[in-house]
Structures are given as C-alpha cells and as structure tokens.
Amino acid sequence: MPGLRSEEQMTDGPAILTRGLTRRFGSLLAVDRLDLEMAEGTILMVVTLVLGVHLKTGLLSLLGMVLAVFLGAALFSTFSLVIACIVKTRERFMGIGQVLTMPLFFASNAIYPTVAV
C-alpha cells in the first residue's frame, strides 16, 4: 500500500522528524519552516524532567532497578500459580489467564510497532 513503510524503516531513525513545518492559526504564524529531529530517548528524558522524576545512575540505583524488575517478573509469574490453585478446570484457568495477560500484551506493542501509531 502506498504510504506504508516496512518495519525496518520504522525502527531506523528518529522518533519525531519534521522538515519545513509551517503552521498558521488565522493570521498568526505559529511555526515557520521548522526542522526537528528527536530520538525516542530524548523524548523520554524530557517527559521525566517535566514530571519531576530524578534519575540516578549510580551502581546501587542500577542494582535496585534490576532487583525491581526481577521481583515484578516473579510477582506476575505467581499469578498463574495462584489462579491454578483456585480454579477447578483448565478452561477457567485459561480464561482468567487471558483476562490478566491481554491488557499487558496490547500495552507492550508486541502486535504493532509504536512508530506506526
């Protein structure tokens, strides 16, 4: 289809790219020939600064982050075990498991790249 790019083309390059952008609101010229190129990491850093999140890059902070990731993974993996102990049939287990995992699946952009949105 015209206008669609391959996944390789969508993942290469900046997250935001404009060339010669001009915007008018009535007689007011808001933006005149703006060229902007911004990486995804830069966008995340700006959002964290706006929200007042202070990033720490020390060894102890990084180890704490790794520990938090492992504990979060362990927490989500125990959901299946707890549900399996409670429900009586396999069909109920699969249904409840889908209810828990589908929102995470859609939020993870596993189906579509975020660049295409």
PDB file of N, CA and C in Angstrom:
ATOM      1  N   MET A   1       0.838  -1.182   0.000  1.00  0.00           N
ATOM      2  CA  MET A   1       0.000   0.000   0.000  1.00  0.00           C
ATOM      3  C   MET A   1       0.880   1.241   0.000  1.00  0.00           C
ATOM      4  N   PRO A   2       0.485   2.251  -0.723  1.00  0.00           N
ATOM      5  CA  PRO A   2       1.285   3.475  -0.737  1.00  0.00           C
ATOM      6  C   PRO A   2       1.274   4.159   0.620  1.00  0.00           C
ATOM      7  N   GLY A   3       2.401   4.675   1.002  1.00  0.00           N
ATOM      8  CA  GLY A   3       2.493   5.404   2.264  1.00  0.00           C
ATOM      9  C   GLY A   3       2.906   4.544   3.445  1.00  0.00           C
ATOM     10  N   LEU A   4       2.822   3.214   3.317  1.00  0.00           N
ATOM     11  CA  LEU A   4       3.220   2.336   4.413  1.00  0.00           C
ATOM     12  C   LEU A   4       4.694   1.998   4.288  1.00  0.00           C
ATOM     13  N   ARG A   5       5.341   1.916   5.446  1.00  0.00           N
ATOM     14  CA  ARG A   5       6.768   1.599   5.461  1.00  0.00           C
ATOM     15  C   ARG A   5       6.974   0.234   6.087  1.00  0.00           C
ATOM     16  N   SER A   6       8.104  -0.395   5.766  1.00  0.00           N
ATOM     17  CA  SER A   6       8.420  -1.684   6.373  1.00  0.00           C
ATOM     18  C   SER A   6       8.838  -1.467   7.818  1.00  0.00           C
ATOM     19  N   GLU A   7       8.879  -2.563   8.582  1.00  0.00           N
ATOM     20  CA  GLU A   7       9.242  -2.451   9.999  1.00  0.00           C
ATOM     21  C   GLU A   7      10.672  -1.953  10.160  1.00  0.00           C
ATOM     22  N   GLU A   8      11.576  -2.347   9.253  1.00  0.00           N
ATOM     23  CA  GLU A   8      12.958  -1.873   9.340  1.00  0.00           C
ATOM     24  C   GLU A   8      13.029  -0.366   9.147  1.00  0.00           C
ATOM     25  N   GLN A   9      12.228   0.162   8.230  1.00  0.00           N
ATOM     26  CA  GLN A   9      12.228   1.596   8.002  1.00  0.00           C
ATOM     27  C   GLN A   9      11.638   2.344   9.184  1.00  0.00           C
ATOM     28  N   MET A  10      10.660   1.741   9.874  1.00  0.00           N
ATOM     29  CA  MET A  10      10.025   2.412  11.000  1.00  0.00           C
ATOM     30  C   MET A  10      10.922   2.431  12.223  1.00  0.00           C
ATOM     31  N   THR A  11      11.766   1.418  12.411  1.00  0.00           N
ATOM     32  CA  THR A  11      12.607   1.369  13.599  1.00  0.00           C
ATOM     33  C   THR A  11      13.894   2.154  13.429  1.00  0.00           C
ATOM     34  N   ASP A  12      14.298   2.430  12.197  1.00  0.00           N
ATOM     35  CA  ASP A  12      15.508   3.213  11.975  1.00  0.00           C
ATOM     36  C   ASP A  12      15.163   4.693  12.015  1.00  0.00           C
ATOM     37  N   GLY A  13      16.075   5.474  12.569  1.00  0.00           N
ATOM     38  CA  GLY A  13      15.876   6.910  12.549  1.00  0.00           C
ATOM     39  C   GLY A  13      15.198   7.441  13.791  1.00  0.00           C
ATOM     40  N   PRO A  14      14.914   8.729  13.767  1.00  0.00           N
ATOM     41  CA  PRO A  14      14.360   9.402  14.951  1.00  0.00           C
ATOM     42  C   PRO A  14      12.890   9.065  15.170  1.00  0.00           C
ATOM     43  N   ALA A  15      12.426   9.307  16.408  1.00  0.00           N
ATOM     44  CA  ALA A  15      11.018   9.098  16.733  1.00  0.00           C
ATOM     45  C   ALA A  15      10.166  10.223  16.170  1.00  0.00           C
ATOM     46  N   ILE A  16      10.690  11.432  16.139  1.00  0.00           N
ATOM     47  CA  ILE A  16       9.984  12.586  15.573  1.00  0.00           C
ATOM     48  C   ILE A  16      10.883  13.210  14.510  1.00  0.00           C
ATOM     49  N   LEU A  17      10.325  13.426  13.333  1.00  0.00           N
ATOM     50  CA  LEU A  17      11.085  14.023  12.245  1.00  0.00           C
ATOM     51  C   LEU A  17      10.161  14.955  11.464  1.00  0.00           C
ATOM     52  N   THR A  18      10.496  16.222  11.408  1.00  0.00           N
ATOM     53  CA  THR A  18       9.749  17.183  10.601  1.00  0.00           C
ATOM     54  C   THR A  18      10.737  17.982   9.768  1.00  0.00           C
ATOM     55  N   ARG A  19      10.316  18.315   8.581  1.00  0.00           N
ATOM     56  CA  ARG A  19      11.121  19.143   7.691  1.00  0.00           C
ATOM     57  C   ARG A  19      10.229  20.230   7.100  1.00  0.00           C
ATOM     58  N   GLY A  20      10.574  21.481   7.330  1.00  0.00           N
ATOM     59  CA  GLY A  20       9.856  22.593   6.746  1.00  0.00           C
ATOM     60  C   GLY A  20       8.426  22.749   7.252  1.00  0.00           C
ATOM     61  N   LEU A  21       8.186  22.430   8.519  1.00  0.00           N
ATOM     62  CA  LEU A  21       6.844  22.518   9.085  1.00  0.00           C
ATOM     63  C   LEU A  21       6.449  23.975   9.309  1.00  0.00           C
ATOM     64  N   THR A  22       5.290  24.347   8.770  1.00  0.00           N
ATOM     65  CA  THR A  22       4.746  25.685   8.958  1.00  0.00           C
ATOM     66  C   THR A  22       3.300  25.560   9.409  1.00  0.00           C
ATOM     67  N   ARG A  23       2.935  26.276  10.477  1.00  0.00           N
ATOM     68  CA  ARG A  23       1.564  26.249  10.991  1.00  0.00           C
ATOM     69  C   ARG A  23       1.068  27.667  11.213  1.00  0.00           C
ATOM     70  N   ARG A  24      -0.151  27.919  10.735  1.00  0.00           N
ATOM     71  CA  ARG A  24      -0.804  29.206  10.920  1.00  0.00           C
ATOM     72  C   ARG A  24      -2.132  28.992  11.633  1.00  0.00           C
ATOM     73  N   PHE A  25      -2.469  29.908  12.496  1.00  0.00           N
ATOM     74  CA  PHE A  25      -3.773  29.953  13.140  1.00  0.00           C
ATOM     75  C   PHE A  25      -4.391  31.295  12.778  1.00  0.00           C
ATOM     76  N   GLY A  26      -5.192  31.278  11.727  1.00  0.00           N
ATOM     77  CA  GLY A  26      -5.725  32.536  11.206  1.00  0.00           C
ATOM     78  C   GLY A  26      -4.592  33.349  10.607  1.00  0.00           C
ATOM     79  N   SER A  27      -4.411  34.560  11.076  1.00  0.00           N
ATOM     80  CA  SER A  27      -3.328  35.405  10.569  1.00  0.00           C
ATOM     81  C   SER A  27      -2.041  35.235  11.383  1.00  0.00           C
ATOM     82  N   LEU A  28      -2.116  34.476  12.486  1.00  0.00           N
ATOM     83  CA  LEU A  28      -0.951  34.272  13.351  1.00  0.00           C
ATOM     84  C   LEU A  28      -0.072  33.150  12.820  1.00  0.00           C
ATOM     85  N   LEU A  29       1.191  33.449  12.577  1.00  0.00           N
ATOM     86  CA  LEU A  29       2.157  32.443  12.157  1.00  0.00           C
ATOM     87  C   LEU A  29       2.787  31.843  13.409  1.00  0.00           C
ATOM     88  N   ALA A  30       2.424  30.607  13.737  1.00  0.00           N
ATOM     89  CA  ALA A  30       2.905  29.971  14.961  1.00  0.00           C
ATOM     90  C   ALA A  30       4.265  29.313  14.748  1.00  0.00           C
ATOM     91  N   VAL A  31       4.442  28.622  13.650  1.00  0.00           N
ATOM     92  CA  VAL A  31       5.695  27.925  13.350  1.00  0.00           C
ATOM     93  C   VAL A  31       6.026  28.182  11.893  1.00  0.00           C
ATOM     94  N   ASP A  32       7.279  28.551  11.619  1.00  0.00           N
ATOM     95  CA  ASP A  32       7.682  28.862  10.258  1.00  0.00           C
ATOM     96  C   ASP A  32       8.882  28.006   9.862  1.00  0.00           C
ATOM     97  N   ARG A  33       8.688  27.088   8.962  1.00  0.00           N
ATOM     98  CA  ARG A  33       9.732  26.211   8.396  1.00  0.00           C
ATOM     99  C   ARG A  33      10.584  25.540   9.476  1.00  0.00           C
ATOM    100  N   LEU A  34       9.945  24.801  10.359  1.00  0.00           N
ATOM    101  CA  LEU A  34      10.639  24.125  11.453  1.00  0.00           C
ATOM    102  C   LEU A  34      11.219  22.800  10.972  1.00  0.00           C
ATOM    103  N   ASP A  35      12.499  22.595  11.222  1.00  0.00           N
ATOM    104  CA  ASP A  35      13.150  21.313  11.008  1.00  0.00           C
ATOM    105  C   ASP A  35      13.472  20.742  12.382  1.00  0.00           C
ATOM    106  N   LEU A  36      12.935  19.562  12.682  1.00  0.00           N
ATOM    107  CA  LEU A  36      13.106  18.969  14.007  1.00  0.00           C
ATOM    108  C   LEU A  36      13.351  17.480  13.861  1.00  0.00           C
ATOM    109  N   GLU A  37      14.333  17.012  14.589  1.00  0.00           N
ATOM    110  CA  GLU A  37      14.658  15.588  14.613  1.00  0.00           C
ATOM    111  C   GLU A  37      14.929  15.219  16.068  1.00  0.00           C
ATOM    112  N   MET A  38      14.145  14.279  16.608  1.00  0.00           N
ATOM    113  CA  MET A  38      14.278  13.948  18.026  1.00  0.00           C
ATOM    114  C   MET A  38      14.229  12.432  18.218  1.00  0.00           C
ATOM    115  N   ALA A  39      15.184  11.905  18.978  1.00  0.00           N
ATOM    116  CA  ALA A  39      15.239  10.479  19.269  1.00  0.00           C
ATOM    117  C   ALA A  39      14.255  10.125  20.380  1.00  0.00           C
ATOM    118  N   GLU A  40      13.865   8.856  20.442  1.00  0.00           N
ATOM    119  CA  GLU A  40      12.906   8.410  21.444  1.00  0.00           C
ATOM    120  C   GLU A  40      13.442   8.603  22.861  1.00  0.00           C
ATOM    121  N   GLY A  41      14.713   8.360  23.062  1.00  0.00           N
ATOM    122  CA  GLY A  41      15.308   8.549  24.385  1.00  0.00           C
ATOM    123  C   GLY A  41      15.247   9.990  24.847  1.00  0.00           C
ATOM    124  N   THR A  42      15.412  10.913  23.924  1.00  0.00           N
ATOM    125  CA  THR A  42      15.323  12.332  24.254  1.00  0.00           C
ATOM    126  C   THR A  42      13.915  12.691  24.710  1.00  0.00           C
ATOM    127  N   ILE A  43      12.930  12.142  24.034  1.00  0.00           N
ATOM    128  CA  ILE A  43      11.535  12.399  24.414  1.00  0.00           C
ATOM    129  C   ILE A  43      11.279  11.880  25.829  1.00  0.00           C
ATOM    130  N   LEU A  44      11.756  10.690  26.126  1.00  0.00           N
ATOM    131  CA  LEU A  44      11.562  10.132  27.467  1.00  0.00           C
ATOM    132  C   LEU A  44      12.260  10.969  28.531  1.00  0.00           C
ATOM    133  N   MET A  45      13.443  11.460  28.233  1.00  0.00           N
ATOM    134  CA  MET A  45      14.156  12.300  29.200  1.00  0.00           C
ATOM    135  C   MET A  45      13.396  13.601  29.454  1.00  0.00           C
ATOM    136  N   VAL A  46      12.839  14.210  28.411  1.00  0.00           N
ATOM    137  CA  VAL A  46      12.075  15.447  28.581  1.00  0.00           C
ATOM    138  C   VAL A  46      10.835  15.189  29.426  1.00  0.00           C
ATOM    139  N   VAL A  47      10.143  14.073  29.165  1.00  0.00           N
ATOM    140  CA  VAL A  47       8.946  13.744  29.945  1.00  0.00           C
ATOM    141  C   VAL A  47       9.304  13.528  31.410  1.00  0.00           C
ATOM    142  N   THR A  48      10.413  12.844  31.687  1.00  0.00           N
ATOM    143  CA  THR A  48      10.800  12.618  33.082  1.00  0.00           C
ATOM    144  C   THR A  48      11.159  13.934  33.776  1.00  0.00           C
ATOM    145  N   LEU A  49      11.796  14.836  33.059  1.00  0.00           N
ATOM    146  CA  LEU A  49      12.122  16.131  33.663  1.00  0.00           C
ATOM    147  C   LEU A  49      10.872  16.948  33.939  1.00  0.00           C
ATOM    148  N   VAL A  50       9.922  16.923  33.014  1.00  0.00           N
ATOM    149  CA  VAL A  50       8.673  17.665  33.201  1.00  0.00           C
ATOM    150  C   VAL A  50       7.898  17.108  34.394  1.00  0.00           C
ATOM    151  N   LEU A  51       7.897  15.790  34.553  1.00  0.00           N
ATOM    152  CA  LEU A  51       7.178  15.160  35.663  1.00  0.00           C
ATOM    153  C   LEU A  51       7.936  15.233  36.983  1.00  0.00           C
ATOM    154  N   GLY A  52       9.167  15.707  36.957  1.00  0.00           N
ATOM    155  CA  GLY A  52       9.943  15.845  38.187  1.00  0.00           C
ATOM    156  C   GLY A  52      10.607  14.558  38.650  1.00  0.00           C
ATOM    157  N   VAL A  53      10.796  13.621  37.742  1.00  0.00           N
ATOM    158  CA  VAL A  53      11.460  12.361  38.085  1.00  0.00           C
ATOM    159  C   VAL A  53      12.967  12.595  38.053  1.00  0.00           C
ATOM    160  N   HIS A  54      13.631  12.259  39.130  1.00  0.00           N
ATOM    161  CA  HIS A  54      15.080  12.409  39.197  1.00  0.00           C
ATOM    162  C   HIS A  54      15.726  11.055  38.928  1.00  0.00           C
ATOM    163  N   LEU A  55      16.534  10.989  37.880  1.00  0.00           N
ATOM    164  CA  LEU A  55      17.188   9.743  37.503  1.00  0.00           C
ATOM    165  C   LEU A  55      18.533   9.633  38.202  1.00  0.00           C
ATOM    166  N   LYS A  56      18.753   8.484  38.808  1.00  0.00           N
ATOM    167  CA  LYS A  56      20.025   8.210  39.459  1.00  0.00           C
ATOM    168  C   LYS A  56      20.724   7.102  38.687  1.00  0.00           C
ATOM    169  N   THR A  57      21.995   7.292  38.391  1.00  0.00           N
ATOM    170  CA  THR A  57      22.719   6.311  37.593  1.00  0.00           C
ATOM    171  C   THR A  57      23.828   5.629  38.373  1.00  0.00           C
ATOM    172  N   GLY A  58      23.779   5.698  39.685  1.00  0.00           N
ATOM    173  CA  GLY A  58      24.794   5.037  40.494  1.00  0.00           C
ATOM    174  C   GLY A  58      24.627   3.528  40.475  1.00  0.00           C
ATOM    175  N   LEU A  59      25.643   2.826  40.910  1.00  0.00           N
ATOM    176  CA  LEU A  59      25.630   1.361  40.911  1.00  0.00           C
ATOM    177  C   LEU A  59      24.511   0.826  41.788  1.00  0.00           C
ATOM    178  N   LEU A  60      24.311   1.411  42.953  1.00  0.00           N
ATOM    179  CA  LEU A  60      23.264   0.952  43.853  1.00  0.00           C
ATOM    180  C   LEU A  60      21.880   1.154  43.222  1.00  0.00           C
ATOM    181  N   SER A  61      21.679   2.256  42.530  1.00  0.00           N
ATOM    182  CA  SER A  61      20.398   2.508  41.857  1.00  0.00           C
ATOM    183  C   SER A  61      20.154   1.505  40.743  1.00  0.00           C
ATOM    184  N   LEU A  62      21.178   1.206  39.966  1.00  0.00           N
ATOM    185  CA  LEU A  62      21.022   0.234  38.881  1.00  0.00           C
ATOM    186  C   LEU A  62      20.749  -1.162  39.422  1.00  0.00           C
ATOM    187  N   LEU A  63      21.416  -1.541  40.494  1.00  0.00           N
ATOM    188  CA  LEU A  63      21.151  -2.846  41.106  1.00  0.00           C
ATOM    189  C   LEU A  63      19.730  -2.906  41.668  1.00  0.00           C
ATOM    190  N   GLY A  64      19.264  -1.802  42.246  1.00  0.00           N
ATOM    191  CA  GLY A  64      17.890  -1.735  42.730  1.00  0.00           C
ATOM    192  C   GLY A  64      16.885  -1.882  41.604  1.00  0.00           C
ATOM    193  N   MET A  65      17.184  -1.291  40.453  1.00  0.00           N
ATOM    194  CA  MET A  65      16.295  -1.423  39.307  1.00  0.00           C
ATOM    195  C   MET A  65      16.241  -2.865  38.821  1.00  0.00           C
ATOM    196  N   VAL A  66      17.386  -3.520  38.747  1.00  0.00           N
ATOM    197  CA  VAL A  66      17.421  -4.924  38.330  1.00  0.00           C
ATOM    198  C   VAL A  66      16.626  -5.781  39.315  1.00  0.00           C
ATOM    199  N   LEU A  67      16.775  -5.518  40.604  1.00  0.00           N
ATOM    200  CA  LEU A  67      16.018  -6.242  41.616  1.00  0.00           C
ATOM    201  C   LEU A  67      14.516  -5.998  41.458  1.00  0.00           C
ATOM    202  N   ALA A  68      14.122  -4.767  41.183  1.00  0.00           N
ATOM    203  CA  ALA A  68      12.702  -4.451  40.989  1.00  0.00           C
ATOM    204  C   ALA A  68      12.134  -5.170  39.772  1.00  0.00           C
ATOM    205  N   VAL A  69      12.912  -5.272  38.706  1.00  0.00           N
ATOM    206  CA  VAL A  69      12.454  -5.984  37.509  1.00  0.00           C
ATOM    207  C   VAL A  69      12.261  -7.460  37.819  1.00  0.00           C
ATOM    208  N   PHE A  70      13.222  -8.064  38.518  1.00  0.00           N
ATOM    209  CA  PHE A  70      13.097  -9.483  38.864  1.00  0.00           C
ATOM    210  C   PHE A  70      11.931  -9.729  39.803  1.00  0.00           C
ATOM    211  N   LEU A  71      11.728  -8.856  40.780  1.00  0.00           N
ATOM    212  CA  LEU A  71      10.599  -9.027  41.696  1.00  0.00           C
ATOM    213  C   LEU A  71       9.262  -8.847  40.969  1.00  0.00           C
ATOM    214  N   GLY A  72       9.198  -7.895  40.047  1.00  0.00           N
ATOM    215  CA  GLY A  72       7.978  -7.713  39.257  1.00  0.00           C
ATOM    216  C   GLY A  72       7.683  -8.927  38.388  1.00  0.00           C
ATOM    217  N   ALA A  73       8.728  -9.483  37.773  1.00  0.00           N
ATOM    218  CA  ALA A  73       8.541 -10.691  36.960  1.00  0.00           C
ATOM    219  C   ALA A  73       8.088 -11.859  37.827  1.00  0.00           C
ATOM    220  N   ALA A  74       8.657 -11.985  39.013  1.00  0.00           N
ATOM    221  CA  ALA A  74       8.250 -13.058  39.917  1.00  0.00           C
ATOM    222  C   ALA A  74       6.806 -12.879  40.368  1.00  0.00           C
ATOM    223  N   LEU A  75       6.404 -11.643  40.605  1.00  0.00           N
ATOM    224  CA  LEU A  75       5.029 -11.367  41.013  1.00  0.00           C
ATOM    225  C   LEU A  75       4.043 -11.787  39.933  1.00  0.00           C
ATOM    226  N   PHE A  76       4.307 -11.386  38.692  1.00  0.00           N
ATOM    227  CA  PHE A  76       3.397 -11.747  37.618  1.00  0.00           C
ATOM    228  C   PHE A  76       3.413 -13.242  37.328  1.00  0.00           C
ATOM    229  N   SER A  77       4.546 -13.897  37.494  1.00  0.00           N
ATOM    230  CA  SER A  77       4.578 -15.342  37.249  1.00  0.00           C
ATOM    231  C   SER A  77       3.847 -16.119  38.333  1.00  0.00           C
ATOM    232  N   THR A  78       3.742 -15.570  39.542  1.00  0.00           N
ATOM    233  CA  THR A  78       2.996 -16.274  40.583  1.00  0.00           C
ATOM    234  C   THR A  78       1.489 -16.140  40.424  1.00  0.00           C
ATOM    235  N   PHE A  79       1.025 -15.148  39.631  1.00  0.00           N
ATOM    236  CA  PHE A  79      -0.419 -15.038  39.385  1.00  0.00           C
ATOM    237  C   PHE A  79      -0.971 -16.334  38.804  1.00  0.00           C
ATOM    238  N   SER A  80      -0.291 -16.911  37.820  1.00  0.00           N
ATOM    239  CA  SER A  80      -0.759 -18.148  37.202  1.00  0.00           C
ATOM    240  C   SER A  80      -0.814 -19.284  38.214  1.00  0.00           C
ATOM    241  N   LEU A  81       0.178 -19.364  39.061  1.00  0.00           N
ATOM    242  CA  LEU A  81       0.201 -20.429  40.059  1.00  0.00           C
ATOM    243  C   LEU A  81      -0.948 -20.289  41.052  1.00  0.00           C
ATOM    244  N   VAL A  82      -1.203 -19.088  41.508  1.00  0.00           N
ATOM    245  CA  VAL A  82      -2.304 -18.855  42.452  1.00  0.00           C
ATOM    246  C   VAL A  82      -3.644 -19.159  41.795  1.00  0.00           C
ATOM    247  N   ILE A  83      -3.822 -18.713  40.566  1.00  0.00           N
ATOM    248  CA  ILE A  83      -5.076 -18.970  39.859  1.00  0.00           C
ATOM    249  C   ILE A  83      -5.256 -20.470  39.630  1.00  0.00           C
ATOM    250  N   ALA A  84      -4.192 -21.162  39.266  1.00  0.00           N
ATOM    251  CA  ALA A  84      -4.275 -22.611  39.037  1.00  0.00           C
ATOM    252  C   ALA A  84      -4.672 -23.350  40.312  1.00  0.00           C
ATOM    253  N   CYS A  85      -4.275 -22.839  41.459  1.00  0.00           N
ATOM    254  CA  CYS A  85      -4.647 -23.478  42.720  1.00  0.00           C
ATOM    255  C   CYS A  85      -6.116 -23.220  43.075  1.00  0.00           C
ATOM    256  N   ILE A  86      -6.676 -22.127  42.591  1.00  0.00           N
ATOM    257  CA  ILE A  86      -8.044 -21.753  42.956  1.00  0.00           C
ATOM    258  C   ILE A  86      -9.081 -22.379  42.024  1.00  0.00           C
ATOM    259  N   VAL A  87      -8.852 -22.299  40.713  1.00  0.00           N
ATOM    260  CA  VAL A  87      -9.869 -22.762  39.766  1.00  0.00           C
ATOM    261  C   VAL A  87      -9.845 -24.284  39.654  1.00  0.00           C
ATOM    262  N   LYS A  88     -10.975 -24.844  39.193  1.00  0.00           N
ATOM    263  CA  LYS A  88     -11.118 -26.303  39.151  1.00  0.00           C
ATOM    264  C   LYS A  88     -10.884 -26.900  37.766  1.00  0.00           C
ATOM    265  N   THR A  89     -11.106 -26.123  36.707  1.00  0.00           N
ATOM    266  CA  THR A  89     -10.944 -26.672  35.359  1.00  0.00           C
ATOM    267  C   THR A  89      -9.905 -25.883  34.583  1.00  0.00           C
ATOM    268  N   ARG A  90      -9.394 -26.547  33.572  1.00  0.00           N
ATOM    269  CA  ARG A  90      -8.381 -25.918  32.728  1.00  0.00           C
ATOM    270  C   ARG A  90      -8.967 -24.742  31.945  1.00  0.00           C
ATOM    271  N   GLU A  91     -10.210 -24.856  31.493  1.00  0.00           N
ATOM    272  CA  GLU A  91     -10.837 -23.783  30.720  1.00  0.00           C
ATOM    273  C   GLU A  91     -10.958 -22.499  31.543  1.00  0.00           C
ATOM    274  N   ARG A  92     -11.328 -22.629  32.806  1.00  0.00           N
ATOM    275  CA  ARG A  92     -11.406 -21.439  33.659  1.00  0.00           C
ATOM    276  C   ARG A  92     -10.034 -20.812  33.854  1.00  0.00           C
ATOM    277  N   PHE A  93      -9.037 -21.674  34.043  1.00  0.00           N
ATOM    278  CA  PHE A  93      -7.668 -21.172  34.215  1.00  0.00           C
ATOM    279  C   PHE A  93      -7.216 -20.384  32.995  1.00  0.00           C
ATOM    280  N   MET A  94      -7.478 -20.921  31.802  1.00  0.00           N
ATOM    281  CA  MET A  94      -7.060 -20.230  30.574  1.00  0.00           C
ATOM    282  C   MET A  94      -7.826 -18.919  30.391  1.00  0.00           C
ATOM    283  N   GLY A  95      -9.107 -18.913  30.727  1.00  0.00           N
ATOM    284  CA  GLY A  95      -9.894 -17.688  30.600  1.00  0.00           C
ATOM    285  C   GLY A  95      -9.411 -16.590  31.528  1.00  0.00           C
ATOM    286  N   ILE A  96      -9.161 -16.943  32.772  1.00  0.00           N
ATOM    287  CA  ILE A  96      -8.675 -15.947  33.733  1.00  0.00           C
ATOM    288  C   ILE A  96      -7.273 -15.482  33.356  1.00  0.00           C
ATOM    289  N   GLY A  97      -6.459 -16.404  32.881  1.00  0.00           N
ATOM    290  CA  GLY A  97      -5.116 -16.027  32.430  1.00  0.00           C
ATOM    291  C   GLY A  97      -5.151 -15.050  31.279  1.00  0.00           C
ATOM    292  N   GLN A  98      -6.095 -15.246  30.348  1.00  0.00           N
ATOM    293  CA  GLN A  98      -6.233 -14.313  29.235  1.00  0.00           C
ATOM    294  C   GLN A  98      -6.684 -12.936  29.706  1.00  0.00           C
ATOM    295  N   VAL A  99      -7.589 -12.909  30.679  1.00  0.00           N
ATOM    296  CA  VAL A  99      -8.050 -11.621  31.212  1.00  0.00           C
ATOM    297  C   VAL A  99      -6.889 -10.849  31.828  1.00  0.00           C
ATOM    298  N   LEU A 100      -5.952 -11.557  32.461  1.00  0.00           N
ATOM    299  CA  LEU A 100      -4.805 -10.890  33.084  1.00  0.00           C
ATOM    300  C   LEU A 100      -3.745 -10.478  32.073  1.00  0.00           C
ATOM    301  N   THR A 101      -3.519 -11.308  31.055  1.00  0.00           N
ATOM    302  CA  THR A 101      -2.398 -11.036  30.156  1.00  0.00           C
ATOM    303  C   THR A 101      -2.745 -10.186  28.932  1.00  0.00           C
ATOM    304  N   MET A 102      -3.986 -10.176  28.497  1.00  0.00           N
ATOM    305  CA  MET A 102      -4.307  -9.433  27.280  1.00  0.00           C
ATOM    306  C   MET A 102      -4.054  -7.926  27.397  1.00  0.00           C
ATOM    307  N   PRO A 103      -4.438  -7.261  28.497  1.00  0.00           N
ATOM    308  CA  PRO A 103      -4.098  -5.825  28.572  1.00  0.00           C
ATOM    309  C   PRO A 103      -2.593  -5.583  28.533  1.00  0.00           C
ATOM    310  N   LEU A 104      -1.821  -6.441  29.174  1.00  0.00           N
ATOM    311  CA  LEU A 104      -0.360  -6.294  29.140  1.00  0.00           C
ATOM    312  C   LEU A 104       0.179  -6.540  27.734  1.00  0.00           C
ATOM    313  N   PHE A 105      -0.410  -7.500  27.040  1.00  0.00           N
ATOM    314  CA  PHE A 105       0.019  -7.822  25.680  1.00  0.00           C
ATOM    315  C   PHE A 105      -0.209  -6.641  24.744  1.00  0.00           C
ATOM    316  N   PHE A 106      -1.391  -6.021  24.812  1.00  0.00           N
ATOM    317  CA  PHE A 106      -1.672  -4.883  23.941  1.00  0.00           C
ATOM    318  C   PHE A 106      -0.848  -3.666  24.327  1.00  0.00           C
ATOM    319  N   ALA A 107      -0.596  -3.477  25.606  1.00  0.00           N
ATOM    320  CA  ALA A 107       0.181  -2.318  26.057  1.00  0.00           C
ATOM    321  C   ALA A 107       1.657  -2.468  25.721  1.00  0.00           C
ATOM    322  N   SER A 108       2.122  -3.675  25.448  1.00  0.00           N
ATOM    323  CA  SER A 108       3.552  -3.900  25.217  1.00  0.00           C
ATOM    324  C   SER A 108       3.974  -3.642  23.789  1.00  0.00           C
ATOM    325  N   ASN A 109       3.084  -3.275  22.910  1.00  0.00           N
ATOM    326  CA  ASN A 109       3.299  -3.077  21.473  1.00  0.00           C
ATOM    327  C   ASN A 109       3.897  -4.296  20.804  1.00  0.00           C
ATOM    328  N   ALA A 110       3.538  -5.502  21.276  1.00  0.00           N
ATOM    329  CA  ALA A 110       4.016  -6.731  20.647  1.00  0.00           C
ATOM    330  C   ALA A 110       3.336  -6.967  19.309  1.00  0.00           C
ATOM    331  N   ILE A 111       2.150  -6.422  19.110  1.00  0.00           N
ATOM    332  CA  ILE A 111       1.409  -6.629  17.863  1.00  0.00           C
ATOM    333  C   ILE A 111       1.854  -5.637  16.799  1.00  0.00           C
ATOM    334  N   TYR A 112       2.102  -4.405  17.185  1.00  0.00           N
ATOM    335  CA  TYR A 112       2.411  -3.345  16.240  1.00  0.00           C
ATOM    336  C   TYR A 112       3.499  -2.464  16.822  1.00  0.00           C
ATOM    337  N   PRO A 113       4.394  -1.952  15.991  1.00  0.00           N
ATOM    338  CA  PRO A 113       5.413  -1.040  16.498  1.00  0.00           C
ATOM    339  C   PRO A 113       4.794   0.300  16.873  1.00  0.00           C
ATOM    340  N   THR A 114       5.314   0.913  17.909  1.00  0.00           N
ATOM    341  CA  THR A 114       4.774   2.200  18.348  1.00  0.00           C
ATOM    342  C   THR A 114       5.018   3.289  17.327  1.00  0.00           C
ATOM    343  N   VAL A 115       5.970   3.120  16.444  1.00  0.00           N
ATOM    344  CA  VAL A 115       6.262   4.130  15.438  1.00  0.00           C
ATOM    345  C   VAL A 115       5.120   4.226  14.433  1.00  0.00           C
ATOM    346  N   ALA A 116       4.389   3.115  14.212  1.00  0.00           N
ATOM    347  CA  ALA A 116       3.308   3.106  13.231  1.00  0.00           C
ATOM    348  C   ALA A 116       2.061   3.787  13.735  1.00  0.00           C
ATOM    349  N   VAL A 117       1.970   4.038  15.038  1.00  0.00           N
ATOM    350  CA  VAL A 117       0.758   4.628  15.613  1.00  0.00           C
ATOM    351  C   VAL A 117       0.747   6.118  15.407  1.00  0.00           C
TER     352      VAL A 117
END
